[in-house]
């Protein structure tokens, strides 16, 4: 298959396809293998990642955050800085956590005092009236928990 055909099928430049073709001719399939990520290596050492994974599994309360048992990027960054005396930006911490297979989680908050029957009654009787009033006034209805912190 010619380099221009490869370029068209893979949606890359013809220059790249010709470069790959030349590399393949000179070094075979091994010359086309990835050389790994470009750029500077991460300062987050593998042993640090292992420690961080264990620390995160222990939870925020084990590290002094007892009022709110959620991990946030600033907290994780502070935890790493305290332990290893190296500062990472929040975007770097996010990338590191993603590489460690951690994902963003949003906890479901339900009040202990929640009364399911009162909620159903409000949804059935009160909410339609509120929405009607909002429509008539041309206003917006925003619930505080949806408006942000």
N, C-alpha and C. Protein backbone atom coordinates (compact mmCIF):
# COMPACT_ATOMS: atom_id res chain seq x y z
N UNK A 1 0.86 -1.17 0.00
CA UNK A 1 0.00 0.00 0.00
C UNK A 1 0.90 1.24 0.00
N UNK A 2 0.61 2.17 -0.83
CA UNK A 2 1.47 3.35 -0.98
C UNK A 2 1.24 4.34 0.17
N UNK A 3 2.27 5.14 0.47
CA UNK A 3 2.12 6.14 1.54
C UNK A 3 0.93 7.09 1.35
N UNK A 4 0.63 7.58 0.14
CA UNK A 4 -0.54 8.45 0.01
C UNK A 4 -1.86 7.75 0.37
N UNK A 5 -1.97 6.46 0.06
CA UNK A 5 -3.18 5.71 0.42
C UNK A 5 -3.27 5.56 1.94
N UNK A 6 -2.12 5.23 2.56
CA UNK A 6 -2.08 5.12 4.03
C UNK A 6 -2.47 6.45 4.67
N UNK A 7 -1.93 7.54 4.13
CA UNK A 7 -2.24 8.87 4.67
C UNK A 7 -3.73 9.15 4.59
N UNK A 8 -4.34 8.81 3.47
CA UNK A 8 -5.78 9.03 3.31
C UNK A 8 -6.61 8.20 4.26
N UNK A 9 -6.25 6.93 4.41
CA UNK A 9 -7.04 6.04 5.29
C UNK A 9 -6.89 6.39 6.77
N UNK A 10 -5.69 6.82 7.16
CA UNK A 10 -5.46 7.15 8.57
C UNK A 10 -5.68 8.62 8.88
N UNK A 11 -5.98 9.40 7.83
CA UNK A 11 -6.20 10.83 8.00
C UNK A 11 -5.02 11.54 8.65
N UNK A 12 -3.85 11.25 8.09
CA UNK A 12 -2.62 11.93 8.53
C UNK A 12 -2.01 12.58 7.30
N UNK A 13 -0.98 13.37 7.53
CA UNK A 13 -0.33 14.03 6.39
C UNK A 13 0.44 13.01 5.56
N UNK A 14 0.62 13.33 4.29
CA UNK A 14 1.42 12.47 3.42
C UNK A 14 2.86 12.43 3.90
N UNK A 15 3.32 13.55 4.45
CA UNK A 15 4.69 13.61 4.97
C UNK A 15 4.90 12.56 6.06
N UNK A 16 3.92 12.44 6.98
CA UNK A 16 4.02 11.43 8.05
C UNK A 16 4.03 10.03 7.46
N UNK A 17 3.15 9.78 6.50
CA UNK A 17 3.08 8.45 5.89
C UNK A 17 4.40 8.10 5.19
N UNK A 18 5.00 9.06 4.50
CA UNK A 18 6.29 8.80 3.86
C UNK A 18 7.39 8.55 4.89
N UNK A 19 7.34 9.28 6.01
CA UNK A 19 8.33 9.08 7.08
C UNK A 19 8.18 7.69 7.68
N UNK A 20 6.94 7.27 7.93
CA UNK A 20 6.71 5.92 8.46
C UNK A 20 7.20 4.86 7.48
N UNK A 21 6.94 5.09 6.20
CA UNK A 21 7.34 4.13 5.17
C UNK A 21 8.87 4.00 5.14
N UNK A 22 9.56 5.14 5.22
CA UNK A 22 11.03 5.12 5.22
C UNK A 22 11.55 4.40 6.47
N UNK A 23 10.95 4.66 7.62
CA UNK A 23 11.36 4.00 8.86
C UNK A 23 11.14 2.49 8.76
N UNK A 24 10.02 2.09 8.18
CA UNK A 24 9.72 0.66 8.03
C UNK A 24 10.72 0.00 7.09
N UNK A 25 11.07 0.69 5.98
CA UNK A 25 12.03 0.13 5.03
C UNK A 25 13.39 -0.07 5.68
N UNK A 26 13.80 0.86 6.52
CA UNK A 26 15.11 0.78 7.15
C UNK A 26 15.16 -0.14 8.36
N UNK A 27 14.09 -0.16 9.19
CA UNK A 27 14.15 -0.90 10.45
C UNK A 27 13.07 -1.95 10.64
N UNK A 28 12.20 -2.14 9.67
CA UNK A 28 11.13 -3.13 9.81
C UNK A 28 10.03 -2.64 10.73
N UNK A 29 9.17 -3.57 11.14
CA UNK A 29 8.01 -3.22 11.96
C UNK A 29 8.43 -2.63 13.31
N UNK A 30 9.56 -3.07 13.85
CA UNK A 30 10.04 -2.55 15.14
C UNK A 30 10.30 -1.05 15.11
N UNK A 31 10.65 -0.53 13.94
CA UNK A 31 10.92 0.90 13.83
C UNK A 31 9.64 1.73 13.93
N UNK A 32 8.49 1.07 13.78
CA UNK A 32 7.20 1.79 13.84
C UNK A 32 6.58 1.76 15.24
N UNK A 33 7.19 1.01 16.15
CA UNK A 33 6.63 0.92 17.51
C UNK A 33 6.75 2.25 18.22
N UNK A 34 5.83 2.49 19.13
CA UNK A 34 5.84 3.73 19.91
C UNK A 34 7.10 3.82 20.76
N UNK A 35 7.63 5.00 20.85
CA UNK A 35 8.79 5.23 21.70
C UNK A 35 8.37 5.75 23.07
N UNK A 36 7.08 5.68 23.36
CA UNK A 36 6.56 6.14 24.64
C UNK A 36 6.13 7.58 24.56
N UNK A 37 5.61 8.09 25.66
CA UNK A 37 5.13 9.47 25.66
C UNK A 37 6.28 10.45 25.49
N UNK A 38 6.00 11.51 24.78
CA UNK A 38 7.02 12.53 24.60
C UNK A 38 7.04 13.44 25.81
N UNK A 39 8.06 14.25 25.89
CA UNK A 39 8.14 15.21 26.98
C UNK A 39 8.94 14.69 28.15
N UNK A 40 8.97 15.51 29.15
CA UNK A 40 9.75 15.23 30.34
C UNK A 40 9.07 14.14 31.17
N UNK A 41 9.85 13.23 31.77
CA UNK A 41 9.24 12.21 32.63
C UNK A 41 8.59 12.85 33.87
N UNK A 42 7.57 12.22 34.37
CA UNK A 42 6.86 12.73 35.54
C UNK A 42 7.76 12.71 36.77
N UNK A 43 7.59 13.72 37.62
CA UNK A 43 8.31 13.73 38.89
C UNK A 43 7.67 12.78 39.89
N UNK A 44 6.47 12.30 39.58
CA UNK A 44 5.74 11.41 40.49
C UNK A 44 6.28 9.99 40.31
N UNK A 45 7.16 9.59 41.19
CA UNK A 45 7.83 8.30 41.09
C UNK A 45 6.85 7.15 41.33
N UNK A 46 7.12 5.97 40.74
CA UNK A 46 6.23 4.81 40.92
C UNK A 46 5.98 4.45 42.40
N UNK A 47 7.02 4.56 43.23
CA UNK A 47 6.84 4.25 44.66
C UNK A 47 5.90 5.26 45.31
N UNK A 48 5.97 6.52 44.87
CA UNK A 48 5.06 7.55 45.39
C UNK A 48 3.63 7.23 44.99
N UNK A 49 3.46 6.76 43.77
CA UNK A 49 2.11 6.42 43.30
C UNK A 49 1.52 5.30 44.15
N UNK A 50 2.35 4.31 44.46
CA UNK A 50 1.87 3.20 45.30
C UNK A 50 1.45 3.72 46.67
N UNK A 51 2.27 4.61 47.26
CA UNK A 51 1.92 5.18 48.56
C UNK A 51 0.63 5.99 48.45
N UNK A 52 0.52 6.79 47.39
CA UNK A 52 -0.66 7.63 47.21
C UNK A 52 -1.92 6.78 47.08
N UNK A 53 -1.84 5.69 46.34
CA UNK A 53 -3.01 4.81 46.19
C UNK A 53 -3.46 4.29 47.56
N UNK A 54 -2.50 3.87 48.38
CA UNK A 54 -2.86 3.37 49.72
C UNK A 54 -3.43 4.50 50.58
N UNK A 55 -2.84 5.68 50.49
CA UNK A 55 -3.30 6.82 51.28
C UNK A 55 -4.73 7.20 50.88
N UNK A 56 -5.02 7.19 49.59
CA UNK A 56 -6.37 7.54 49.13
C UNK A 56 -7.38 6.49 49.58
N UNK A 57 -6.98 5.24 49.58
CA UNK A 57 -7.89 4.17 50.03
C UNK A 57 -8.24 4.31 51.51
N UNK A 58 -7.32 4.86 52.29
CA UNK A 58 -7.58 5.06 53.72
C UNK A 58 -8.63 6.13 53.96
N UNK A 59 -8.79 7.03 53.01
CA UNK A 59 -9.82 8.06 53.11
C UNK A 59 -9.31 9.36 53.67
N UNK A 60 -10.04 10.44 53.43
CA UNK A 60 -9.63 11.77 53.88
C UNK A 60 -9.56 11.90 55.41
N UNK A 61 -10.45 11.21 56.12
CA UNK A 61 -10.47 11.34 57.58
C UNK A 61 -9.15 10.86 58.19
N UNK A 62 -8.53 9.86 57.58
CA UNK A 62 -7.26 9.34 58.10
C UNK A 62 -6.14 10.37 57.97
N UNK A 63 -6.37 11.40 57.18
CA UNK A 63 -5.35 12.43 56.96
C UNK A 63 -5.78 13.78 57.52
N UNK A 64 -6.84 13.78 58.33
CA UNK A 64 -7.22 15.02 59.02
C UNK A 64 -8.42 15.76 58.47
N UNK A 65 -9.01 15.30 57.37
CA UNK A 65 -10.19 15.96 56.82
C UNK A 65 -11.43 15.20 57.27
N UNK A 66 -11.90 15.51 58.47
CA UNK A 66 -13.02 14.77 59.05
C UNK A 66 -14.37 15.42 58.78
N UNK A 67 -14.37 16.73 58.46
CA UNK A 67 -15.63 17.43 58.29
C UNK A 67 -16.32 17.05 56.98
N UNK A 68 -15.54 16.68 55.97
CA UNK A 68 -16.09 16.36 54.66
C UNK A 68 -15.27 15.21 54.10
N UNK A 69 -15.85 14.07 54.01
CA UNK A 69 -15.10 12.87 53.65
C UNK A 69 -15.03 12.67 52.14
N UNK A 70 -14.52 13.70 51.46
CA UNK A 70 -14.34 13.63 50.01
C UNK A 70 -12.92 14.03 49.66
N UNK A 71 -12.38 13.34 48.66
CA UNK A 71 -11.09 13.75 48.13
C UNK A 71 -11.32 14.81 47.08
N UNK A 72 -10.55 15.88 47.16
CA UNK A 72 -10.58 16.92 46.13
C UNK A 72 -9.16 17.05 45.59
N UNK A 73 -9.00 17.65 44.42
CA UNK A 73 -7.66 17.82 43.86
C UNK A 73 -6.76 18.64 44.79
N UNK A 74 -7.27 19.74 45.39
CA UNK A 74 -6.39 20.47 46.32
C UNK A 74 -5.93 19.61 47.51
N UNK A 75 -6.81 18.77 48.02
CA UNK A 75 -6.44 17.90 49.14
C UNK A 75 -5.38 16.88 48.73
N UNK A 76 -5.58 16.27 47.57
CA UNK A 76 -4.61 15.28 47.10
C UNK A 76 -3.26 15.96 46.85
N UNK A 77 -3.28 17.15 46.25
CA UNK A 77 -2.04 17.89 46.01
C UNK A 77 -1.33 18.20 47.32
N UNK A 78 -2.09 18.61 48.32
CA UNK A 78 -1.51 18.92 49.63
C UNK A 78 -0.94 17.67 50.29
N UNK A 79 -1.64 16.56 50.17
CA UNK A 79 -1.18 15.29 50.73
C UNK A 79 0.17 14.90 50.12
N UNK A 80 0.28 15.02 48.81
CA UNK A 80 1.54 14.70 48.11
C UNK A 80 2.64 15.67 48.54
N UNK A 81 2.30 16.95 48.61
CA UNK A 81 3.30 17.96 49.00
C UNK A 81 3.81 17.72 50.42
N UNK A 82 2.91 17.38 51.32
CA UNK A 82 3.32 17.12 52.71
C UNK A 82 4.25 15.91 52.80
N UNK A 83 3.91 14.87 52.06
CA UNK A 83 4.66 13.62 52.15
C UNK A 83 6.01 13.68 51.40
N UNK A 84 5.99 14.22 50.18
CA UNK A 84 7.18 14.14 49.33
C UNK A 84 7.87 15.48 49.08
N UNK A 85 7.32 16.56 49.64
CA UNK A 85 7.89 17.90 49.50
C UNK A 85 8.04 18.30 48.03
N UNK A 86 7.06 17.92 47.23
CA UNK A 86 7.01 18.27 45.81
C UNK A 86 5.60 18.77 45.54
N UNK A 87 5.51 19.91 44.87
CA UNK A 87 4.19 20.48 44.56
C UNK A 87 3.80 20.15 43.13
N UNK A 88 2.55 19.72 42.97
CA UNK A 88 1.96 19.47 41.66
C UNK A 88 0.74 20.37 41.52
N UNK A 89 0.51 20.84 40.31
CA UNK A 89 -0.71 21.64 40.06
C UNK A 89 -1.91 20.70 40.11
N UNK A 90 -3.08 21.30 40.22
CA UNK A 90 -4.29 20.49 40.26
C UNK A 90 -4.48 19.71 38.96
N UNK A 91 -4.11 20.30 37.84
CA UNK A 91 -4.24 19.57 36.57
C UNK A 91 -3.25 18.41 36.51
N UNK A 92 -2.06 18.59 37.08
CA UNK A 92 -1.11 17.48 37.12
C UNK A 92 -1.63 16.36 38.02
N UNK A 93 -2.19 16.73 39.17
CA UNK A 93 -2.75 15.72 40.08
C UNK A 93 -3.88 14.97 39.38
N UNK A 94 -4.71 15.69 38.66
CA UNK A 94 -5.81 15.06 37.93
C UNK A 94 -5.27 14.04 36.93
N UNK A 95 -4.24 14.42 36.18
CA UNK A 95 -3.65 13.51 35.19
C UNK A 95 -3.04 12.30 35.87
N UNK A 96 -2.32 12.51 36.97
CA UNK A 96 -1.69 11.41 37.71
C UNK A 96 -2.75 10.44 38.22
N UNK A 97 -3.83 10.97 38.81
CA UNK A 97 -4.89 10.11 39.32
C UNK A 97 -5.55 9.32 38.19
N UNK A 98 -5.73 9.97 37.04
CA UNK A 98 -6.30 9.27 35.89
C UNK A 98 -5.37 8.14 35.44
N UNK A 99 -4.07 8.40 35.41
CA UNK A 99 -3.10 7.36 35.05
C UNK A 99 -3.12 6.21 36.05
N UNK A 100 -3.48 6.50 37.29
CA UNK A 100 -3.55 5.48 38.34
C UNK A 100 -4.91 4.78 38.35
N UNK A 101 -5.76 5.09 37.37
CA UNK A 101 -7.10 4.51 37.23
C UNK A 101 -8.09 4.97 38.30
N UNK A 102 -7.84 6.12 38.90
CA UNK A 102 -8.84 6.73 39.77
C UNK A 102 -9.75 7.57 38.89
N UNK A 103 -11.01 7.65 39.23
CA UNK A 103 -11.94 8.43 38.42
C UNK A 103 -12.71 9.40 39.31
N UNK A 104 -13.30 10.39 38.68
CA UNK A 104 -14.08 11.38 39.40
C UNK A 104 -15.36 10.72 39.91
N UNK A 105 -15.66 10.93 41.16
CA UNK A 105 -16.87 10.37 41.78
C UNK A 105 -17.62 11.50 42.46
N UNK A 106 -18.91 11.51 42.31
CA UNK A 106 -19.73 12.50 42.98
C UNK A 106 -20.66 11.75 43.93
N UNK A 107 -20.51 11.97 45.23
CA UNK A 107 -21.35 11.24 46.17
C UNK A 107 -22.81 11.66 46.10
N UNK A 108 -23.68 10.73 46.38
CA UNK A 108 -25.11 11.02 46.44
C UNK A 108 -25.42 11.46 47.87
N UNK A 109 -25.93 12.67 48.00
CA UNK A 109 -26.25 13.20 49.33
C UNK A 109 -27.75 13.05 49.59
N UNK A 110 -28.08 12.39 50.64
CA UNK A 110 -29.48 12.28 51.06
C UNK A 110 -29.54 12.62 52.54
N UNK A 111 -30.46 13.47 52.88
CA UNK A 111 -30.62 13.86 54.28
C UNK A 111 -31.10 12.67 55.09
N UNK A 112 -30.56 12.54 56.28
CA UNK A 112 -30.98 11.46 57.18
C UNK A 112 -32.47 11.61 57.51
N UNK A 113 -32.93 12.88 57.62
CA UNK A 113 -34.32 13.17 57.98
C UNK A 113 -35.26 13.08 56.79
N UNK A 114 -34.79 12.69 55.64
CA UNK A 114 -35.61 12.69 54.42
C UNK A 114 -36.88 11.86 54.62
N UNK A 115 -37.99 12.45 54.24
CA UNK A 115 -39.29 11.78 54.34
C UNK A 115 -39.80 11.54 52.92
N UNK A 116 -39.72 10.31 52.42
CA UNK A 116 -40.09 10.01 51.04
C UNK A 116 -41.54 10.40 50.71
N UNK A 117 -42.45 10.26 51.67
CA UNK A 117 -43.85 10.62 51.41
C UNK A 117 -44.01 12.14 51.26
N UNK A 118 -43.28 12.90 52.07
CA UNK A 118 -43.34 14.35 51.95
C UNK A 118 -42.74 14.81 50.62
N UNK A 119 -41.69 14.13 50.17
CA UNK A 119 -41.08 14.46 48.88
C UNK A 119 -42.08 14.21 47.76
N UNK A 120 -42.75 13.06 47.78
CA UNK A 120 -43.74 12.74 46.75
C UNK A 120 -44.88 13.75 46.76
N UNK A 121 -45.35 14.11 47.95
CA UNK A 121 -46.43 15.09 48.06
C UNK A 121 -45.98 16.44 47.48
N UNK A 122 -44.77 16.87 47.79
CA UNK A 122 -44.25 18.13 47.27
C UNK A 122 -44.17 18.07 45.74
N UNK A 123 -43.64 16.96 45.22
CA UNK A 123 -43.52 16.81 43.76
C UNK A 123 -44.89 16.82 43.08
N UNK A 124 -45.87 16.23 43.72
CA UNK A 124 -47.21 16.09 43.14
C UNK A 124 -48.04 17.37 43.28
N UNK A 125 -47.93 18.05 44.43
CA UNK A 125 -48.82 19.17 44.72
C UNK A 125 -48.14 20.55 44.64
N UNK A 126 -47.01 20.69 45.27
CA UNK A 126 -46.38 22.01 45.40
C UNK A 126 -45.59 22.39 44.14
N UNK A 127 -44.78 21.47 43.65
CA UNK A 127 -43.91 21.79 42.52
C UNK A 127 -44.68 22.29 41.30
N UNK A 128 -45.79 21.64 40.90
CA UNK A 128 -46.51 22.17 39.74
C UNK A 128 -46.96 23.61 39.92
N UNK A 129 -47.37 23.98 41.12
CA UNK A 129 -47.79 25.36 41.39
C UNK A 129 -46.61 26.33 41.30
N UNK A 130 -45.47 25.92 41.83
CA UNK A 130 -44.27 26.75 41.78
C UNK A 130 -43.85 26.94 40.33
N UNK A 131 -43.83 25.86 39.55
CA UNK A 131 -43.44 25.95 38.15
C UNK A 131 -44.40 26.83 37.35
N UNK A 132 -45.68 26.76 37.68
CA UNK A 132 -46.68 27.58 36.99
C UNK A 132 -46.41 29.06 37.26
N UNK A 133 -46.15 29.38 38.53
CA UNK A 133 -45.86 30.77 38.91
C UNK A 133 -44.59 31.27 38.21
N UNK A 134 -43.58 30.43 38.15
CA UNK A 134 -42.32 30.80 37.50
C UNK A 134 -42.57 31.08 36.02
N UNK A 135 -43.32 30.22 35.35
CA UNK A 135 -43.64 30.42 33.92
C UNK A 135 -44.40 31.72 33.70
N UNK A 136 -45.39 31.98 34.56
CA UNK A 136 -46.21 33.18 34.42
C UNK A 136 -45.38 34.45 34.59
N UNK A 137 -44.38 34.39 35.45
CA UNK A 137 -43.54 35.56 35.71
C UNK A 137 -42.35 35.65 34.75
N UNK A 138 -42.16 34.60 33.94
CA UNK A 138 -41.01 34.58 33.03
C UNK A 138 -39.70 34.54 33.79
N UNK A 139 -39.69 33.84 34.92
CA UNK A 139 -38.51 33.78 35.79
C UNK A 139 -37.78 32.46 35.63
N UNK A 140 -36.73 32.33 36.41
CA UNK A 140 -35.96 31.09 36.49
C UNK A 140 -36.17 30.47 37.86
N UNK A 141 -36.19 29.16 37.91
CA UNK A 141 -36.26 28.44 39.18
C UNK A 141 -34.95 27.68 39.34
N UNK A 142 -34.17 28.06 40.35
CA UNK A 142 -32.88 27.42 40.58
C UNK A 142 -32.86 26.91 42.01
N UNK A 143 -32.58 25.62 42.16
CA UNK A 143 -32.45 25.03 43.49
C UNK A 143 -31.03 25.23 43.98
N UNK A 144 -30.87 25.57 45.23
CA UNK A 144 -29.56 25.93 45.78
C UNK A 144 -28.52 24.85 45.54
N UNK A 145 -28.88 23.58 45.67
CA UNK A 145 -27.89 22.52 45.48
C UNK A 145 -27.46 22.39 44.03
N UNK A 146 -28.18 23.01 43.11
CA UNK A 146 -27.79 22.99 41.71
C UNK A 146 -27.07 24.27 41.30
N UNK A 147 -27.08 25.25 42.17
CA UNK A 147 -26.49 26.56 41.83
C UNK A 147 -25.01 26.63 42.16
N UNK A 148 -24.49 25.65 42.84
CA UNK A 148 -23.08 25.65 43.20
C UNK A 148 -22.89 25.84 44.69
N UNK A 149 -21.64 25.94 45.09
CA UNK A 149 -21.35 26.02 46.54
C UNK A 149 -21.81 27.32 47.16
